[in-house]
């Protein structure tokens, strides 16, 4: 039985009609899994952005952690179903990479303020305590996604090449615990090369609301690099 399934999949892939049906079926399955992730996460983080002005842990933070746990559990269960050789490594990477993008994009939208049209809405104040929380939350998502791929005998490299959001999300994970000097240094190192200038500028304003000259100079550099 262990050899039969891969052989059957190979046979299906060799027949054009079967391949077309398989592609259609896989596309429908991925759309369904995407919606399930949305349903697991979005209702729980609707007020996350507003809660980031708090200097103490609040219920919205616990709800966000619950949402991450639920989404990662769902992806881990899916990984066991899709585990190679049932799907080839490349198809597994593309399929799971797409769903990883869905999860990362939801949190980027709700925290950073990127909207579906590619625009940026201004983030409110983000306190140091909230930054610490976000650092742990985003890192938990990253590490969970890496584990999903590693359990399928894949690698973080496959995840990074299969995902459109990995580099951006990794940059956000690093920014939460950063000082202005850290962000300046990261800019010169290309850490934010896949991040829109208005996105990063909005976070700098939200994380450092004091309006210091150093902050203003950094904002000028960020926006100048984006032009």
C-alpha atoms as a PDB file:
ATOM      1  CA  UNK A   1       0.000   0.000   0.000  1.00  0.00           C
ATOM      2  CA  UNK A   2       2.908   2.326   0.754  1.00  0.00           C
ATOM      3  CA  UNK A   3       4.141   2.076  -2.855  1.00  0.00           C
ATOM      4  CA  UNK A   4       0.714   1.958  -4.473  1.00  0.00           C
ATOM      5  CA  UNK A   5      -0.364   5.536  -3.738  1.00  0.00           C
ATOM      6  CA  UNK A   6       2.758   7.218  -5.243  1.00  0.00           C
ATOM      7  CA  UNK A   7       2.545   4.904  -8.274  1.00  0.00           C
ATOM      8  CA  UNK A   8      -1.133   5.775  -8.741  1.00  0.00           C
ATOM      9  CA  UNK A   9      -0.387   9.497  -8.446  1.00  0.00           C
ATOM     10  CA  UNK A  10       2.360   9.113 -11.055  1.00  0.00           C
ATOM     11  CA  UNK A  11      -0.062   7.323 -13.392  1.00  0.00           C
ATOM     12  CA  UNK A  12      -2.680  10.068 -12.924  1.00  0.00           C
ATOM     13  CA  UNK A  13      -0.079  12.737 -13.708  1.00  0.00           C
ATOM     14  CA  UNK A  14       0.860  10.967 -16.966  1.00  0.00           C
ATOM     15  CA  UNK A  15      -2.687  11.128 -18.378  1.00  0.00           C
ATOM     16  CA  UNK A  16      -3.622  14.675 -19.517  1.00  0.00           C
ATOM     17  CA  UNK A  17      -7.332  14.405 -18.648  1.00  0.00           C
ATOM     18  CA  UNK A  18      -6.585  13.004 -15.210  1.00  0.00           C
ATOM     19  CA  UNK A  19      -3.935  15.685 -14.681  1.00  0.00           C
ATOM     20  CA  UNK A  20      -6.466  18.409 -15.515  1.00  0.00           C
ATOM     21  CA  UNK A  21      -9.009  16.925 -13.104  1.00  0.00           C
ATOM     22  CA  UNK A  22      -6.357  16.598 -10.408  1.00  0.00           C
ATOM     23  CA  UNK A  23      -5.297  20.229 -10.864  1.00  0.00           C
ATOM     24  CA  UNK A  24      -8.917  21.393 -10.600  1.00  0.00           C
ATOM     25  CA  UNK A  25      -9.531  19.276  -7.524  1.00  0.00           C
ATOM     26  CA  UNK A  26      -6.326  20.502  -5.865  1.00  0.00           C
ATOM     27  CA  UNK A  27      -7.222  24.113  -6.610  1.00  0.00           C
ATOM     28  CA  UNK A  28     -10.650  23.689  -5.042  1.00  0.00           C
ATOM     29  CA  UNK A  29      -9.099  22.014  -2.005  1.00  0.00           C
ATOM     30  CA  UNK A  30      -6.605  24.837  -1.520  1.00  0.00           C
ATOM     31  CA  UNK A  31      -9.394  27.437  -1.793  1.00  0.00           C
ATOM     32  CA  UNK A  32     -11.321  25.550   0.883  1.00  0.00           C
ATOM     33  CA  UNK A  33      -8.274  25.385   3.161  1.00  0.00           C
ATOM     34  CA  UNK A  34      -7.677  29.103   2.639  1.00  0.00           C
ATOM     35  CA  UNK A  35     -11.204  29.888   3.780  1.00  0.00           C
ATOM     36  CA  UNK A  36     -10.819  27.653   6.815  1.00  0.00           C
ATOM     37  CA  UNK A  37      -7.689  29.555   7.866  1.00  0.00           C
ATOM     38  CA  UNK A  38      -9.520  32.854   7.418  1.00  0.00           C
ATOM     39  CA  UNK A  39     -12.416  31.550   9.515  1.00  0.00           C
ATOM     40  CA  UNK A  40     -10.062  30.339  12.249  1.00  0.00           C
ATOM     41  CA  UNK A  41      -8.095  33.572  12.503  1.00  0.00           C
ATOM     42  CA  UNK A  42      -9.969  36.693  11.409  1.00  0.00           C
ATOM     43  CA  UNK A  43     -12.853  36.596  13.928  1.00  0.00           C
ATOM     44  CA  UNK A  44     -10.322  36.344  16.764  1.00  0.00           C
ATOM     45  CA  UNK A  45      -8.129  39.312  15.794  1.00  0.00           C
ATOM     46  CA  UNK A  46     -10.637  41.913  14.694  1.00  0.00           C
ATOM     47  CA  UNK A  47      -9.610  44.282  17.508  1.00  0.00           C
ATOM     48  CA  UNK A  48      -5.937  43.364  17.723  1.00  0.00           C
ATOM     49  CA  UNK A  49      -4.668  46.599  16.150  1.00  0.00           C
ATOM     50  CA  UNK A  50      -6.620  48.778  18.579  1.00  0.00           C
ATOM     51  CA  UNK A  51      -5.318  46.791  21.547  1.00  0.00           C
ATOM     52  CA  UNK A  52      -1.655  47.509  20.741  1.00  0.00           C
ATOM     53  CA  UNK A  53      -1.829  50.878  22.519  1.00  0.00           C
ATOM     54  CA  UNK A  54      -2.139  49.004  25.821  1.00  0.00           C
ATOM     55  CA  UNK A  55       0.814  48.784  28.190  1.00  0.00           C
ATOM     56  CA  UNK A  56      -0.607  45.663  29.809  1.00  0.00           C
ATOM     57  CA  UNK A  57      -1.681  42.300  28.373  1.00  0.00           C
ATOM     58  CA  UNK A  58      -5.325  42.325  27.278  1.00  0.00           C
ATOM     59  CA  UNK A  59      -7.843  39.732  26.092  1.00  0.00           C
ATOM     60  CA  UNK A  60      -7.202  40.611  22.445  1.00  0.00           C
ATOM     61  CA  UNK A  61      -3.619  39.415  22.803  1.00  0.00           C
ATOM     62  CA  UNK A  62      -4.770  36.067  24.201  1.00  0.00           C
ATOM     63  CA  UNK A  63      -7.284  35.785  21.377  1.00  0.00           C
ATOM     64  CA  UNK A  64      -4.520  36.408  18.826  1.00  0.00           C
ATOM     65  CA  UNK A  65      -2.378  33.660  20.354  1.00  0.00           C
ATOM     66  CA  UNK A  66      -5.359  31.301  20.219  1.00  0.00           C
ATOM     67  CA  UNK A  67      -5.837  32.179  16.546  1.00  0.00           C
ATOM     68  CA  UNK A  68      -2.192  31.384  15.770  1.00  0.00           C
ATOM     69  CA  UNK A  69      -2.375  28.070  17.624  1.00  0.00           C
ATOM     70  CA  UNK A  70      -5.552  27.100  15.757  1.00  0.00           C
ATOM     71  CA  UNK A  71      -4.131  28.014  12.336  1.00  0.00           C
ATOM     72  CA  UNK A  72      -0.832  26.219  12.906  1.00  0.00           C
ATOM     73  CA  UNK A  73      -2.615  23.122  14.200  1.00  0.00           C
ATOM     74  CA  UNK A  74      -4.751  23.146  11.067  1.00  0.00           C
ATOM     75  CA  UNK A  75      -1.682  23.403   8.823  1.00  0.00           C
ATOM     76  CA  UNK A  76       0.123  20.657  10.743  1.00  0.00           C
ATOM     77  CA  UNK A  77      -2.846  18.343  10.280  1.00  0.00           C
ATOM     78  CA  UNK A  78      -2.975  19.244   6.588  1.00  0.00           C
ATOM     79  CA  UNK A  79       0.741  18.574   6.258  1.00  0.00           C
ATOM     80  CA  UNK A  80       0.203  15.020   7.484  1.00  0.00           C
ATOM     81  CA  UNK A  81      -2.411  14.562   4.754  1.00  0.00           C
ATOM     82  CA  UNK A  82      -0.330  16.122   1.984  1.00  0.00           C
ATOM     83  CA  UNK A  83       2.986  14.739   3.137  1.00  0.00           C
ATOM     84  CA  UNK A  84       5.316  13.697   0.280  1.00  0.00           C
ATOM     85  CA  UNK A  85       5.325  11.364  -1.586  1.00  0.00           C
ATOM     86  CA  UNK A  86       1.526  11.757  -1.816  1.00  0.00           C
ATOM     87  CA  UNK A  87       2.309  15.193  -3.219  1.00  0.00           C
ATOM     88  CA  UNK A  88       5.643  15.900  -4.826  1.00  0.00           C
ATOM     89  CA  UNK A  89       7.911  18.165  -2.819  1.00  0.00           C
ATOM     90  CA  UNK A  90       7.472  21.016  -5.288  1.00  0.00           C
ATOM     91  CA  UNK A  91       3.660  20.797  -5.277  1.00  0.00           C
ATOM     92  CA  UNK A  92       3.638  20.502  -1.499  1.00  0.00           C
ATOM     93  CA  UNK A  93       5.844  23.596  -1.329  1.00  0.00           C
ATOM     94  CA  UNK A  94       3.637  25.660  -3.631  1.00  0.00           C
ATOM     95  CA  UNK A  95       0.405  24.565  -1.947  1.00  0.00           C
ATOM     96  CA  UNK A  96       1.552  24.958   1.642  1.00  0.00           C
ATOM     97  CA  UNK A  97       3.484  28.115   0.746  1.00  0.00           C
ATOM     98  CA  UNK A  98       0.260  29.666  -0.532  1.00  0.00           C
ATOM     99  CA  UNK A  99      -1.556  28.835   2.713  1.00  0.00           C
ATOM    100  CA  UNK A 100       1.390  30.146   4.727  1.00  0.00           C
ATOM    101  CA  UNK A 101       1.038  33.403   2.782  1.00  0.00           C
ATOM    102  CA  UNK A 102      -2.643  33.547   3.713  1.00  0.00           C
ATOM    103  CA  UNK A 103      -1.809  33.311   7.421  1.00  0.00           C
ATOM    104  CA  UNK A 104       1.045  35.816   7.286  1.00  0.00           C
ATOM    105  CA  UNK A 105      -0.932  38.282   5.174  1.00  0.00           C
ATOM    106  CA  UNK A 106      -3.846  38.271   7.629  1.00  0.00           C
ATOM    107  CA  UNK A 107      -1.566  39.321  10.479  1.00  0.00           C
ATOM    108  CA  UNK A 108       0.328  41.847   8.358  1.00  0.00           C
ATOM    109  CA  UNK A 109      -2.989  43.406   7.353  1.00  0.00           C
ATOM    110  CA  UNK A 110      -4.304  43.628  10.905  1.00  0.00           C
ATOM    111  CA  UNK A 111      -1.089  44.837  12.535  1.00  0.00           C
ATOM    112  CA  UNK A 112       0.987  46.648   9.915  1.00  0.00           C
ATOM    113  CA  UNK A 113      -2.015  48.051   8.075  1.00  0.00           C
ATOM    114  CA  UNK A 114      -1.444  46.783   4.528  1.00  0.00           C
ATOM    115  CA  UNK A 115      -4.774  46.504   2.742  1.00  0.00           C
ATOM    116  CA  UNK A 116      -5.883  44.212  -0.067  1.00  0.00           C
ATOM    117  CA  UNK A 117      -5.305  46.920  -2.686  1.00  0.00           C
ATOM    118  CA  UNK A 118      -1.662  47.297  -1.664  1.00  0.00           C
ATOM    119  CA  UNK A 119      -2.249  50.564   0.189  1.00  0.00           C
ATOM    120  CA  UNK A 120      -1.272  51.300   3.765  1.00  0.00           C
ATOM    121  CA  UNK A 121      -3.453  52.528   6.590  1.00  0.00           C
ATOM    122  CA  UNK A 122      -1.850  54.373   9.487  1.00  0.00           C
ATOM    123  CA  UNK A 123      -1.050  52.204  12.487  1.00  0.00           C
ATOM    124  CA  UNK A 124      -2.025  53.529  15.902  1.00  0.00           C
ATOM    125  CA  UNK A 125       0.384  53.781  18.816  1.00  0.00           C
ATOM    126  CA  UNK A 126       2.185  50.511  19.574  1.00  0.00           C
ATOM    127  CA  UNK A 127       3.578  50.413  23.120  1.00  0.00           C
ATOM    128  CA  UNK A 128       6.872  48.706  24.043  1.00  0.00           C
ATOM    129  CA  UNK A 129       4.910  45.974  25.841  1.00  0.00           C
ATOM    130  CA  UNK A 130       2.816  45.416  22.716  1.00  0.00           C
ATOM    131  CA  UNK A 131       5.978  45.308  20.574  1.00  0.00           C
ATOM    132  CA  UNK A 132       7.338  42.576  22.824  1.00  0.00           C
ATOM    133  CA  UNK A 133       4.078  40.657  22.452  1.00  0.00           C
ATOM    134  CA  UNK A 134       4.106  41.047  18.659  1.00  0.00           C
ATOM    135  CA  UNK A 135       7.706  39.878  18.461  1.00  0.00           C
ATOM    136  CA  UNK A 136       6.758  36.634  20.180  1.00  0.00           C
ATOM    137  CA  UNK A 137       3.550  36.239  18.172  1.00  0.00           C
ATOM    138  CA  UNK A 138       5.162  36.755  14.769  1.00  0.00           C
ATOM    139  CA  UNK A 139       8.100  34.517  15.672  1.00  0.00           C
ATOM    140  CA  UNK A 140       5.657  31.816  16.767  1.00  0.00           C
ATOM    141  CA  UNK A 141       4.051  31.960  13.326  1.00  0.00           C
ATOM    142  CA  UNK A 142       7.436  31.782  11.585  1.00  0.00           C
ATOM    143  CA  UNK A 143       8.695  28.871  13.669  1.00  0.00           C
ATOM    144  CA  UNK A 144       5.393  27.034  13.308  1.00  0.00           C
ATOM    145  CA  UNK A 145       5.501  27.327   9.519  1.00  0.00           C
ATOM    146  CA  UNK A 146       9.108  26.145   9.441  1.00  0.00           C
ATOM    147  CA  UNK A 147       8.091  23.079  11.471  1.00  0.00           C
ATOM    148  CA  UNK A 148       5.249  22.321   9.054  1.00  0.00           C
ATOM    149  CA  UNK A 149       7.774  22.148   6.214  1.00  0.00           C
ATOM    150  CA  UNK A 150      10.420  20.271   8.202  1.00  0.00           C
ATOM    151  CA  UNK A 151       7.910  17.610   9.243  1.00  0.00           C
ATOM    152  CA  UNK A 152       7.297  17.014   5.546  1.00  0.00           C
ATOM    153  CA  UNK A 153      11.053  16.484   5.081  1.00  0.00           C
ATOM    154  CA  UNK A 154      11.174  19.871   3.374  1.00  0.00           C
ATOM    155  CA  UNK A 155      13.244  22.880   4.410  1.00  0.00           C
ATOM    156  CA  UNK A 156      12.990  26.527   5.358  1.00  0.00           C
ATOM    157  CA  UNK A 157      14.610  27.256   1.995  1.00  0.00           C
ATOM    158  CA  UNK A 158      11.665  25.617   0.211  1.00  0.00           C
ATOM    159  CA  UNK A 159       9.293  27.663   2.364  1.00  0.00           C
ATOM    160  CA  UNK A 160      11.086  30.900   1.524  1.00  0.00           C
ATOM    161  CA  UNK A 161      11.062  30.188  -2.213  1.00  0.00           C
ATOM    162  CA  UNK A 162       7.451  28.953  -2.200  1.00  0.00           C
ATOM    163  CA  UNK A 163       6.110  31.945  -0.262  1.00  0.00           C
ATOM    164  CA  UNK A 164       5.617  35.501  -1.495  1.00  0.00           C
ATOM    165  CA  UNK A 165       5.366  36.883   2.052  1.00  0.00           C
ATOM    166  CA  UNK A 166       8.209  35.142   3.886  1.00  0.00           C
ATOM    167  CA  UNK A 167      10.814  37.873   3.492  1.00  0.00           C
ATOM    168  CA  UNK A 168       8.379  40.643   4.460  1.00  0.00           C
ATOM    169  CA  UNK A 169       7.034  38.731   7.434  1.00  0.00           C
ATOM    170  CA  UNK A 170      10.557  37.943   8.617  1.00  0.00           C
ATOM    171  CA  UNK A 171      11.324  41.666   8.474  1.00  0.00           C
ATOM    172  CA  UNK A 172       8.261  42.434  10.596  1.00  0.00           C
ATOM    173  CA  UNK A 173       9.317  39.796  13.112  1.00  0.00           C
ATOM    174  CA  UNK A 174      12.656  41.561  13.513  1.00  0.00           C
ATOM    175  CA  UNK A 175      11.305  45.104  13.706  1.00  0.00           C
ATOM    176  CA  UNK A 176       9.213  44.754  16.863  1.00  0.00           C
ATOM    177  CA  UNK A 177      12.147  44.617  19.282  1.00  0.00           C
ATOM    178  CA  UNK A 178      14.274  47.080  17.297  1.00  0.00           C
ATOM    179  CA  UNK A 179      15.492  50.510  18.317  1.00  0.00           C
ATOM    180  CA  UNK A 180      15.751  53.374  15.850  1.00  0.00           C
ATOM    181  CA  UNK A 181      19.452  52.564  15.501  1.00  0.00           C
ATOM    182  CA  UNK A 182      18.606  48.900  14.817  1.00  0.00           C
ATOM    183  CA  UNK A 183      16.180  49.910  12.068  1.00  0.00           C
ATOM    184  CA  UNK A 184      18.741  52.259  10.513  1.00  0.00           C
ATOM    185  CA  UNK A 185      21.298  49.438  10.458  1.00  0.00           C
ATOM    186  CA  UNK A 186      18.783  46.945   9.059  1.00  0.00           C
ATOM    187  CA  UNK A 187      17.957  49.366   6.246  1.00  0.00           C
ATOM    188  CA  UNK A 188      21.586  49.449   5.133  1.00  0.00           C
ATOM    189  CA  UNK A 189      21.707  45.628   5.292  1.00  0.00           C
ATOM    190  CA  UNK A 190      18.665  45.228   3.034  1.00  0.00           C
ATOM    191  CA  UNK A 191      16.474  43.607   5.687  1.00  0.00           C
ATOM    192  CA  UNK A 192      13.487  45.706   4.551  1.00  0.00           C
ATOM    193  CA  UNK A 193      14.042  45.413   0.803  1.00  0.00           C
ATOM    194  CA  UNK A 194      10.642  43.729   0.312  1.00  0.00           C
ATOM    195  CA  UNK A 195       8.790  46.156   2.582  1.00  0.00           C
ATOM    196  CA  UNK A 196       6.978  49.239   1.327  1.00  0.00           C
ATOM    197  CA  UNK A 197       8.382  52.527   2.619  1.00  0.00           C
ATOM    198  CA  UNK A 198       4.971  53.760   3.882  1.00  0.00           C
ATOM    199  CA  UNK A 199       4.527  50.481   5.796  1.00  0.00           C
ATOM    200  CA  UNK A 200       7.823  50.801   7.622  1.00  0.00           C
ATOM    201  CA  UNK A 201       7.390  54.549   8.148  1.00  0.00           C
ATOM    202  CA  UNK A 202       3.962  53.933   9.675  1.00  0.00           C
ATOM    203  CA  UNK A 203       5.415  51.433  12.136  1.00  0.00           C
ATOM    204  CA  UNK A 204       8.249  53.787  13.095  1.00  0.00           C
ATOM    205  CA  UNK A 205       5.685  56.508  13.857  1.00  0.00           C
ATOM    206  CA  UNK A 206       3.571  54.044  15.856  1.00  0.00           C
ATOM    207  CA  UNK A 207       6.469  52.546  17.822  1.00  0.00           C
ATOM    208  CA  UNK A 208       8.333  55.816  18.450  1.00  0.00           C
ATOM    209  CA  UNK A 209       5.680  58.523  18.917  1.00  0.00           C
ATOM    210  CA  UNK A 210       8.060  61.029  20.543  1.00  0.00           C
ATOM    211  CA  UNK A 211       8.848  62.828  17.277  1.00  0.00           C
ATOM    212  CA  UNK A 212      12.574  63.018  18.029  1.00  0.00           C
ATOM    213  CA  UNK A 213      14.975  64.416  15.396  1.00  0.00           C
ATOM    214  CA  UNK A 214      16.494  60.955  14.950  1.00  0.00           C
ATOM    215  CA  UNK A 215      13.060  59.522  14.211  1.00  0.00           C
ATOM    216  CA  UNK A 216      12.320  62.283  11.721  1.00  0.00           C
ATOM    217  CA  UNK A 217      15.631  61.731   9.936  1.00  0.00           C
ATOM    218  CA  UNK A 218      14.967  57.981   9.755  1.00  0.00           C
ATOM    219  CA  UNK A 219      11.509  58.597   8.276  1.00  0.00           C
ATOM    220  CA  UNK A 220      13.057  60.778   5.585  1.00  0.00           C
ATOM    221  CA  UNK A 221      15.548  58.038   4.699  1.00  0.00           C
ATOM    222  CA  UNK A 222      12.832  55.359   4.607  1.00  0.00           C
ATOM    223  CA  UNK A 223      10.545  57.347   2.340  1.00  0.00           C
ATOM    224  CA  UNK A 224      13.407  58.547   0.144  1.00  0.00           C
ATOM    225  CA  UNK A 225      14.500  54.957  -0.441  1.00  0.00           C
ATOM    226  CA  UNK A 226      10.965  54.060  -1.467  1.00  0.00           C
ATOM    227  CA  UNK A 227      10.658  56.808  -4.067  1.00  0.00           C
END
